[in-house]
Protein backbone atom coordinates (compact mmCIF):
# COMPACT_ATOMS: atom_id res chain seq x y z
CA VAL A 1 0.00 0.00 0.00
CA TYR A 2 2.86 2.36 0.86
CA ASP A 3 4.50 1.78 -2.52
CA LEU A 4 1.25 2.32 -4.43
CA ILE A 5 0.59 5.60 -2.63
CA LEU A 6 4.15 6.72 -3.30
CA ILE A 7 3.90 5.83 -7.00
CA ALA A 8 0.58 7.70 -7.27
CA MET A 9 2.18 10.80 -5.74
CA LEU A 10 5.12 10.60 -8.15
CA CYS A 11 2.74 10.27 -11.11
CA ALA A 12 0.79 13.34 -10.02
CA LEU A 13 3.96 15.37 -9.52
CA SER A 14 5.43 14.31 -12.86
CA ILE A 15 2.30 15.28 -14.81
CA ALA A 16 1.98 18.62 -13.01
CA ILE A 17 5.64 19.52 -13.53
CA LYS A 18 5.50 18.39 -17.16
CA THR A 19 2.69 20.86 -17.86
CA ILE A 20 4.43 23.77 -16.13
CA ALA A 21 8.00 23.11 -17.28
CA GLY A 22 6.92 22.34 -20.84
CA ALA A 23 5.01 25.60 -21.16
CA LEU A 24 7.92 27.66 -19.80
CA VAL A 25 10.57 26.01 -21.97
CA ARG A 26 8.49 26.28 -25.15
CA MET A 27 8.49 30.04 -24.71
CA ILE A 28 12.25 29.88 -25.43
CA THR A 29 12.54 26.95 -27.82
CA GLY A 30 9.50 27.79 -29.94
CA SER A 31 11.32 30.51 -31.86
CA LEU A 32 14.35 28.25 -32.39
CA GLY A 33 12.36 25.40 -33.88
CA ILE A 34 13.54 22.98 -31.19
CA PRO A 35 11.03 20.64 -29.48
CA GLY A 36 10.44 22.01 -26.01
CA GLY A 37 10.12 18.54 -24.53
CA ALA A 38 13.80 17.86 -25.26
CA LEU A 39 14.99 20.57 -22.88
CA ALA A 40 12.19 20.24 -20.34
CA GLY A 41 12.23 16.44 -20.35
CA GLY A 42 14.85 16.12 -17.64
CA PHE A 43 12.51 17.74 -15.13
CA TYR A 44 9.73 15.21 -15.61
CA MET A 45 11.77 12.16 -16.60
CA MET A 46 13.53 12.27 -13.23
CA TRP A 47 10.43 10.83 -11.55
CA LEU A 48 11.01 7.49 -13.28
CA PRO A 49 14.30 6.69 -11.49
CA LEU A 50 12.92 8.14 -8.28
CA ALA A 51 10.06 5.64 -8.40
CA ILE A 52 12.52 2.73 -8.48
CA ALA A 53 14.86 4.19 -5.88
CA LEU A 54 12.17 5.12 -3.36
CA THR A 55 10.12 1.93 -3.63
CA GLY A 56 13.00 -0.45 -4.33
CA ARG A 57 10.82 -2.42 -6.73
CA ARG A 58 11.44 -3.47 -10.31
CA GLY A 59 8.92 -2.14 -12.78
CA ALA A 60 8.08 0.98 -10.75
CA ALA A 61 9.24 3.22 -13.61
CA LEU A 62 7.05 1.32 -16.05
CA ILE A 63 4.06 1.74 -13.74
CA VAL A 64 4.63 5.50 -13.51
CA ALA A 65 4.97 5.71 -17.29
CA ALA A 66 1.79 3.66 -17.77
CA VAL A 67 -0.20 5.93 -15.45
CA GLN A 68 1.16 9.00 -17.24
CA THR A 69 0.12 7.48 -20.57
CA ILE A 70 -3.43 6.77 -19.40
CA VAL A 71 -3.86 10.25 -17.91
CA MET A 72 -2.49 11.97 -21.01
CA ILE A 73 -4.65 9.97 -23.43
CA THR A 74 -7.87 10.35 -21.45
CA SER A 75 -7.44 14.00 -20.44
CA GLY A 76 -5.81 15.41 -23.57
CA ALA A 77 -3.46 17.46 -21.40
CA PRO A 78 -0.58 19.39 -23.00
CA GLY A 79 2.07 16.89 -24.10
CA SER A 80 -0.40 14.27 -25.25
CA HIS A 81 0.39 12.66 -28.60
CA GLY A 82 -2.88 10.83 -29.04
CA VAL A 83 -2.59 7.09 -29.48
CA TRP A 84 1.15 7.47 -30.05
CA THR A 85 1.46 8.55 -26.42
CA ILE A 86 1.82 4.86 -25.59
CA LEU A 87 5.16 4.76 -27.41
CA SER A 88 6.45 8.22 -26.53
CA TYR A 89 5.75 7.73 -22.81
CA MET A 90 6.40 4.02 -22.27
CA LEU A 91 9.71 3.75 -24.14
CA PRO A 92 11.62 6.21 -21.87
CA ALA A 93 10.95 3.96 -18.88
CA VAL A 94 12.83 1.04 -20.45
CA PRO A 95 16.40 2.47 -20.20
CA VAL A 96 15.70 3.54 -16.61
CA GLU A 97 14.74 -0.02 -15.69
CA ILE A 98 17.89 -1.34 -17.40
CA VAL A 99 20.25 1.13 -15.70
CA PHE A 100 18.75 0.57 -12.24
CA PHE A 101 18.97 -3.19 -12.68
CA PHE A 102 22.70 -3.00 -11.84
CA ASN A 103 22.78 -1.97 -8.18
CA LYS A 104 25.06 -4.29 -6.22
CA LYS A 105 26.06 -1.53 -3.79
CA GLY A 106 22.91 0.54 -3.93
CA TYR A 107 21.95 3.49 -6.07
CA ASN A 108 24.30 6.42 -6.63
CA ILE A 109 24.31 9.61 -8.65
CA LEU A 110 25.52 7.74 -11.75
CA HIS A 111 22.32 5.68 -11.79
CA PHE A 112 20.17 8.81 -11.70
CA VAL A 113 22.19 10.85 -14.22
CA LEU A 114 22.60 8.03 -16.74
CA GLY A 115 19.05 6.73 -16.33
CA THR A 116 17.39 10.14 -16.68
CA ALA A 117 19.64 11.20 -19.59
CA LEU A 118 18.99 8.01 -21.55
CA SER A 119 15.29 8.22 -20.78
CA ASN A 120 15.08 11.76 -22.13
CA ILE A 121 17.13 10.87 -25.21
CA VAL A 122 14.85 7.93 -26.02
CA GLY A 123 11.72 10.04 -25.50
CA THR A 124 13.08 12.86 -27.67
CA PHE A 125 14.12 10.48 -30.44
CA ALA A 126 10.73 8.73 -30.39
CA ALA A 127 8.91 12.07 -30.61
CA ASN A 128 11.14 13.10 -33.52
CA VAL A 129 10.46 9.88 -35.43
CA LEU A 130 6.72 10.13 -34.87
CA PHE A 131 6.13 13.86 -35.33
CA PHE A 132 8.96 16.32 -35.91
CA ARG A 133 11.14 14.52 -38.47
CA LEU A 134 14.13 16.79 -37.95
CA SER A 135 17.16 16.49 -40.20
CA PHE A 136 20.42 15.03 -38.94
CA PHE A 137 22.18 18.07 -37.46
CA PRO A 138 19.12 19.61 -35.79
CA LEU A 139 18.31 16.17 -34.42
CA MET A 140 21.83 15.75 -32.98
CA PHE A 141 21.61 19.18 -31.41
CA THR A 142 18.22 18.31 -29.94
CA LEU A 143 19.47 14.99 -28.57
CA LEU A 144 22.48 16.74 -27.02
CA GLY A 145 20.15 19.17 -25.29
CA ALA A 146 18.00 16.25 -24.14
CA ALA A 147 21.07 14.54 -22.66
CA MET A 148 22.09 17.69 -20.78
CA SER A 149 18.57 18.24 -19.50
CA GLY A 150 18.36 14.61 -18.42
CA ALA A 151 21.69 14.84 -16.60
CA ILE A 152 20.50 17.90 -14.68
CA GLY A 153 17.26 16.14 -13.84
CA GLY A 154 19.25 13.13 -12.65
CA VAL A 155 21.29 15.30 -10.28
CA ILE A 156 18.07 16.78 -8.87
CA ALA A 157 16.57 13.29 -8.49
CA ASN A 158 19.67 12.03 -6.67
CA PHE A 159 19.50 15.01 -4.31
CA ALA A 160 15.81 14.33 -3.63
CA PHE A 161 16.58 10.67 -2.95
CA ALA A 162 19.36 11.61 -0.52
CA MET A 163 17.01 13.97 1.32
CA ALA A 164 14.36 11.25 1.52
CA LYS A 165 16.87 8.88 3.10
CA LYS A 166 17.84 11.45 5.72
CA THR A 167 14.23 11.88 6.82
CA GLY A 168 14.07 8.22 7.85
CA LEU A 169 10.95 7.48 5.79
CA LEU A 170 12.70 4.75 3.82
CA LYS A 171 13.93 3.08 7.02
CA LEU A 172 10.41 3.25 8.45
CA LYS A 173 9.08 1.63 5.28
CA LYS A 174 11.64 -1.16 5.21
CA GLY A 175 11.98 -1.69 8.97
CA LYS A 176 9.91 -4.24 10.80
CA ALA A 177 9.41 -4.76 14.47
CA LYS A 178 11.76 -7.52 15.55
CA PRO A 179 10.38 -10.06 17.97
CA ARG A 180 11.96 -10.09 21.40
CA THR A 181 14.30 -13.04 21.63
CA GLU A 182 15.60 -12.45 25.16
CA PRO A 183 13.90 -14.68 27.75
CA ILE A 184 11.70 -12.92 30.22
CA PRO A 185 13.16 -13.41 33.73
CA VAL A 186 10.92 -15.59 35.87
CA ALA A 187 11.39 -16.03 39.59
CA ASP A 188 12.69 -19.48 40.38
CA ALA A 189 10.55 -21.04 43.05
CA GLN A 190 13.30 -23.38 44.12
CA SER A 191 15.83 -20.58 44.56
CA ALA A 192 13.45 -18.51 46.68
CA ASP A 193 14.28 -18.41 50.39
CA PRO A 194 11.85 -20.52 52.41
CA VAL A 195 9.73 -18.75 54.97
CA PRO A 196 11.17 -19.40 58.44
CA ALA A 197 9.02 -21.49 60.77
CA ALA A 198 9.15 -18.82 63.46
CA ASP A 199 7.61 -16.27 61.12
CA THR A 200 4.85 -18.72 60.25
CA GLN A 201 4.01 -19.28 63.92
CA ARG A 202 4.05 -15.54 64.59
CA THR A 203 1.60 -14.94 61.73
CA GLU A 204 -0.77 -17.62 63.03
CA ALA A 205 -0.62 -16.12 66.52
CA LEU A 206 -1.48 -12.66 65.26
CA GLY A 207 -4.43 -14.11 63.35
CA SER A 208 -5.78 -15.79 66.46
CA VAL A 209 -5.40 -12.58 68.49
CA ARG A 210 -7.37 -10.64 65.90
CA GLU A 211 -10.17 -13.21 65.96
CA THR A 212 -10.50 -13.24 69.81
CA PRO A 213 -12.11 -9.76 70.30
CA GLN A 214 -14.63 -10.53 67.61
CA GLU A 215 -15.65 -13.77 69.32
CA THR A 216 -15.89 -11.99 72.72
CA SER A 217 -18.15 -9.30 71.34
CA GLU A 218 -20.38 -11.94 69.81
CA ASP A 219 -20.69 -13.70 73.24
CA ASN A 220 -21.64 -10.42 74.96
CA THR A 221 -24.28 -9.78 72.37
CA ASP A 222 -25.79 -13.21 72.94
CA GLU A 223 -25.91 -12.65 76.74
CA LYS A 224 -27.69 -9.32 76.34
CA THR A 225 -30.19 -10.87 74.03
CA ALA A 226 -30.87 -13.70 76.47
CA GLY A 227 -31.28 -11.22 79.38
């Protein structure tokens, strides 16, 4: 449940940032004839590696990409490519999954930079093949910008992951209450000191003394009643 909530939050953030960052970048790249998604892609592709790093589960990037695809197709939000959204949004998640597959000593900044850069390059190339059809040199320039944008997004994603680890949320997610293995100390009846006989006799004597006044008062009451 924790992982699903986290993935849903990442999907919402990625779609919101894509709309804002894409609109701002297109104000600059529109006059240059460069696809705005190439330069803005690093800021919304970085959520794909973050999904894997935060949840620690394979396929988390593909799930985020699938949710983005469904939302874009059904809502027609800016950045939607119609039915081709399936390719332009799902393909960038593949290199992220491949890069994050190699993590013997955990994830580092290289995972985030390389994964986000490759993801943005693949997304930019797919969009060019489907829609823009740029010539060779403009395409190379666009892919170079996509790589730089992806690298910057990877650095930001690595910083966000480091901050998340410092908060302790990941430890709380992964940690489980360990059962207590230490034996509970129980008093040993055999090792307990026996009650001395003198103390036992003293206790019995005190009990008999306490009972005597009660019996005497009962006798007096009977005599008065008889009289």
